[in-house]
Amino acid sequence: NVTVNKSHEISNFTYSIVGNLSRVSEIIQNPDDFKPHLFGIVDLTSKAIPVQDISSVVLMLIAIASALLMWYTTKQQQPKQEKSRGLRDVMQEASEGKEPDQAEISQIVSRQMNFIMPLMIFMTMINIYGAINFYFFINNLLQVIQQKYILDKNEKEESEVTNESKHLKNAKEAKIIKKPVSSKGKSGTKITRITAKEDKRRGKK
């Protein structure tokens, strides 16, 4: 709003450290020359609605992408479940006298919010300036990349720990424990061998 309607007052809303940057300093000195356009095409001072030009079309696509990224971010944070029930199934069991599981209800509500929040974000993004819309899109994109990297790293570490535990368990099971046998003060492993003669004698008997 400041850059659009009060461009001559940009210096009043700029931090001193930021104001000393060359590009920002040029904008403060010549505010009329500042053109907030993305790639020189998309006017970031406009909004996604009404859809009437190239800027509004691009901003509408950015708003949709922001909502999808929000949905994917929320999905990344949810635990994976093979089978999931709806709130109606839980309430039906509760009406039959079975006490509902609060953890399961929380997971169901969380899954529903996974669809409601992106819709709210989309409705907000199409009604604000394109600069904020684009900022929110970049913020969600970086968040998805960060979470993807962290989750993959944690999954890899857990896999390595699991494999190491299995290796140690297999090594313990395969280890041969020798019992000491006393023979003139010496210890060793007692081995009984049967020769061919003894086999014949046993066969005759």
Protein backbone atom coordinates (compact mmCIF):
# COMPACT_ATOMS: atom_id res chain seq x y z
CA ASN A 1 0.00 0.00 0.00
CA VAL A 2 2.88 2.36 0.81
CA THR A 3 4.68 1.64 -2.46
CA VAL A 4 1.47 2.18 -4.44
CA ASN A 5 -0.29 5.09 -2.75
CA LYS A 6 2.47 6.69 -0.66
CA SER A 7 5.63 6.12 -2.65
CA HIS A 8 7.13 9.40 -1.41
CA GLU A 9 6.95 8.12 2.18
CA ILE A 10 8.93 4.91 1.61
CA SER A 11 11.86 6.28 3.63
CA ASN A 12 9.60 6.59 6.71
CA PHE A 13 8.83 2.87 6.60
CA THR A 14 12.35 1.63 5.79
CA TYR A 15 14.91 0.41 8.32
CA SER A 16 18.13 2.43 8.34
CA ILE A 17 20.23 -0.63 7.47
CA VAL A 18 17.98 -1.48 4.53
CA GLY A 19 17.83 2.14 3.43
CA ASN A 20 21.61 2.21 3.00
CA LEU A 21 21.45 -0.46 0.28
CA SER A 22 22.14 0.95 -3.15
CA ARG A 23 18.91 -0.21 -4.82
CA VAL A 24 16.71 0.87 -1.89
CA SER A 25 18.50 4.20 -1.73
CA GLU A 26 17.74 4.79 -5.42
CA ILE A 27 14.06 4.02 -4.84
CA ILE A 28 13.91 6.43 -1.89
CA GLN A 29 15.51 9.22 -3.91
CA ASN A 30 13.39 8.57 -7.02
CA PRO A 31 10.16 6.90 -5.88
CA ASP A 32 8.37 7.63 -9.15
CA ASP A 33 10.88 5.49 -11.05
CA PHE A 34 10.09 2.43 -8.94
CA LYS A 35 8.09 -0.09 -10.92
CA PRO A 36 7.03 -3.11 -8.79
CA HIS A 37 6.78 -5.61 -11.65
CA LEU A 38 7.68 -9.30 -11.63
CA PHE A 39 9.95 -10.09 -14.59
CA GLY A 40 8.89 -6.74 -15.99
CA ILE A 41 5.45 -8.17 -16.88
CA VAL A 42 3.37 -8.92 -13.77
CA ASP A 43 2.23 -5.86 -11.88
CA LEU A 44 2.64 -6.72 -8.20
CA THR A 45 0.49 -3.75 -7.16
CA SER A 46 -2.59 -5.38 -8.72
CA LYS A 47 -4.75 -8.23 -7.43
CA ALA A 48 -5.76 -11.61 -8.80
CA ILE A 49 -9.42 -10.60 -9.11
CA PRO A 50 -10.99 -9.51 -11.29
CA VAL A 51 -9.17 -11.57 -13.91
CA GLN A 52 -8.76 -9.12 -16.75
CA ASP A 53 -5.11 -9.02 -17.84
CA ILE A 54 -1.88 -11.00 -17.79
CA SER A 55 -0.98 -9.77 -14.29
CA SER A 56 -4.24 -10.96 -12.74
CA VAL A 57 -3.96 -14.34 -14.50
CA VAL A 58 -0.43 -14.91 -13.21
CA LEU A 59 -1.40 -13.78 -9.71
CA MET A 60 -4.37 -16.17 -9.77
CA LEU A 61 -2.02 -19.03 -10.67
CA ILE A 62 0.35 -17.97 -7.88
CA ALA A 63 -2.57 -17.97 -5.41
CA ILE A 64 -3.54 -21.50 -6.49
CA ALA A 65 0.08 -22.63 -6.17
CA SER A 66 0.28 -21.09 -2.67
CA ALA A 67 -2.83 -23.01 -1.60
CA LEU A 68 -1.47 -26.29 -2.99
CA LEU A 69 1.86 -25.74 -1.25
CA MET A 70 0.04 -25.07 2.01
CA TRP A 71 -1.89 -28.34 1.58
CA TYR A 72 1.30 -30.27 0.85
CA THR A 73 3.10 -28.70 3.82
CA THR A 74 0.32 -29.76 6.18
CA LYS A 75 0.28 -33.24 4.67
CA GLN A 76 4.04 -33.59 5.24
CA GLN A 77 3.58 -32.97 8.95
CA GLN A 78 0.87 -35.60 9.39
CA PRO A 79 1.80 -39.19 10.29
CA LYS A 80 1.23 -41.82 7.65
CA GLN A 81 -1.75 -44.11 8.26
CA GLU A 82 -2.77 -47.21 6.35
CA LYS A 83 -6.43 -47.03 7.35
CA SER A 84 -8.27 -43.87 8.37
CA ARG A 85 -11.85 -43.46 9.50
CA GLY A 86 -14.10 -40.46 9.18
CA LEU A 87 -15.66 -38.41 11.95
CA ARG A 88 -19.05 -39.94 11.12
CA ASP A 89 -17.75 -43.45 11.89
CA VAL A 90 -16.35 -42.33 15.24
CA MET A 91 -19.58 -40.54 16.19
CA GLN A 92 -21.61 -43.60 15.19
CA GLU A 93 -19.57 -45.78 17.53
CA ALA A 94 -19.97 -43.16 20.26
CA SER A 95 -23.76 -43.28 19.85
CA GLU A 96 -23.58 -47.05 20.38
CA GLY A 97 -21.92 -46.51 23.76
CA LYS A 98 -18.27 -46.90 22.79
CA GLU A 99 -15.98 -44.19 24.13
CA PRO A 100 -14.29 -42.33 21.23
CA ASP A 101 -10.53 -42.15 21.01
CA GLN A 102 -9.47 -38.53 21.48
CA ALA A 103 -6.24 -39.07 19.54
CA GLU A 104 -8.21 -40.41 16.57
CA ILE A 105 -10.61 -37.46 16.71
CA SER A 106 -7.66 -35.06 16.72
CA GLN A 107 -6.22 -36.77 13.64
CA ILE A 108 -9.57 -36.55 11.84
CA VAL A 109 -9.90 -32.84 12.62
CA SER A 110 -6.32 -32.32 11.48
CA ARG A 111 -7.08 -34.02 8.15
CA GLN A 112 -10.13 -31.80 7.66
CA MET A 113 -8.08 -28.69 8.41
CA ASN A 114 -5.66 -29.89 5.75
CA PHE A 115 -8.35 -28.96 3.19
CA ILE A 116 -9.90 -25.98 4.95
CA MET A 117 -6.68 -24.01 5.51
CA PRO A 118 -5.54 -24.04 1.85
CA LEU A 119 -9.01 -22.86 0.81
CA MET A 120 -8.83 -19.98 3.30
CA ILE A 121 -5.33 -19.11 2.08
CA PHE A 122 -6.54 -19.08 -1.53
CA MET A 123 -9.46 -16.77 -0.74
CA THR A 124 -7.09 -14.44 1.08
CA MET A 125 -4.40 -14.41 -1.61
CA ILE A 126 -6.74 -13.45 -4.46
CA ASN A 127 -7.92 -10.39 -2.53
CA ILE A 128 -4.57 -8.87 -1.58
CA TYR A 129 -1.79 -7.19 -3.52
CA GLY A 130 0.29 -9.37 -5.78
CA ALA A 131 3.51 -8.57 -3.92
CA ILE A 132 2.20 -10.23 -0.74
CA ASN A 133 0.73 -13.06 -2.80
CA PHE A 134 4.09 -13.71 -4.43
CA TYR A 135 5.90 -13.42 -1.08
CA PHE A 136 3.61 -16.02 0.49
CA PHE A 137 4.17 -18.35 -2.49
CA ILE A 138 7.98 -18.14 -2.13
CA ASN A 139 7.70 -18.64 1.63
CA ASN A 140 5.59 -21.81 1.22
CA LEU A 141 7.88 -23.12 -1.50
CA LEU A 142 10.97 -22.75 0.69
CA GLN A 143 9.12 -24.35 3.60
CA VAL A 144 8.20 -27.40 1.49
CA ILE A 145 11.81 -27.79 0.33
CA GLN A 146 13.12 -27.43 3.88
CA GLN A 147 10.69 -29.97 5.32
CA LYS A 148 11.37 -32.38 2.47
CA TYR A 149 15.10 -32.20 3.15
CA ILE A 150 14.70 -32.63 6.92
CA LEU A 151 12.19 -35.50 6.64
CA ASP A 152 14.34 -37.36 4.11
CA LYS A 153 17.38 -36.90 6.33
CA ASN A 154 15.54 -38.18 9.41
CA GLU A 155 14.16 -41.15 7.46
CA LYS A 156 17.67 -42.01 6.25
CA GLU A 157 19.09 -41.82 9.79
CA GLU A 158 16.27 -43.98 11.18
CA SER A 159 16.88 -46.53 8.42
CA GLU A 160 20.59 -46.65 9.25
CA VAL A 161 19.87 -47.12 12.96
CA THR A 162 17.36 -49.90 12.19
CA ASN A 163 19.80 -51.70 9.90
CA GLU A 164 22.55 -51.43 12.52
CA SER A 165 20.25 -52.84 15.20
CA LYS A 166 19.32 -55.77 12.96
CA HIS A 167 22.98 -56.39 12.19
CA LEU A 168 23.89 -56.49 15.89
CA LYS A 169 20.95 -58.78 16.64
CA ASN A 170 21.94 -61.20 13.88
CA ALA A 171 25.54 -61.12 15.06
CA LYS A 172 24.50 -62.03 18.61
CA GLU A 173 22.31 -64.89 17.40
CA ALA A 174 25.06 -66.25 15.16
CA LYS A 175 27.74 -66.07 17.85
CA ILE A 176 28.94 -69.49 19.08
CA ILE A 177 29.38 -69.62 22.81
CA LYS A 178 31.90 -72.28 23.80
CA LYS A 179 31.50 -73.92 27.18
CA PRO A 180 34.76 -74.71 29.03
CA VAL A 181 35.52 -78.38 29.59
CA SER A 182 37.90 -79.25 32.42
CA SER A 183 40.64 -81.64 31.29
CA LYS A 184 43.84 -81.56 33.35
CA GLY A 185 43.35 -77.93 34.15
CA LYS A 186 42.82 -77.00 30.51
CA SER A 187 39.70 -75.67 28.98
CA GLY A 188 38.42 -76.31 25.52
CA THR A 189 35.51 -77.52 23.47
CA LYS A 190 34.53 -81.14 23.84
CA ILE A 191 34.11 -82.79 20.44
CA THR A 192 32.91 -86.41 20.06
CA ARG A 193 33.88 -88.21 16.87
CA ILE A 194 32.55 -91.56 15.65
CA THR A 195 34.94 -93.61 13.48
CA ALA A 196 34.00 -96.06 10.75
CA LYS A 197 34.82 -99.13 12.95
CA GLU A 198 32.53 -97.98 15.67
CA ASP A 199 29.80 -97.47 13.08
CA LYS A 200 30.19 -101.12 11.90
CA ARG A 201 30.13 -102.48 15.46
CA ARG A 202 27.00 -100.56 16.20
CA GLY A 203 25.51 -101.88 12.99
CA LYS A 204 26.24 -105.53 13.96
CA LYS A 205 24.72 -105.03 17.35
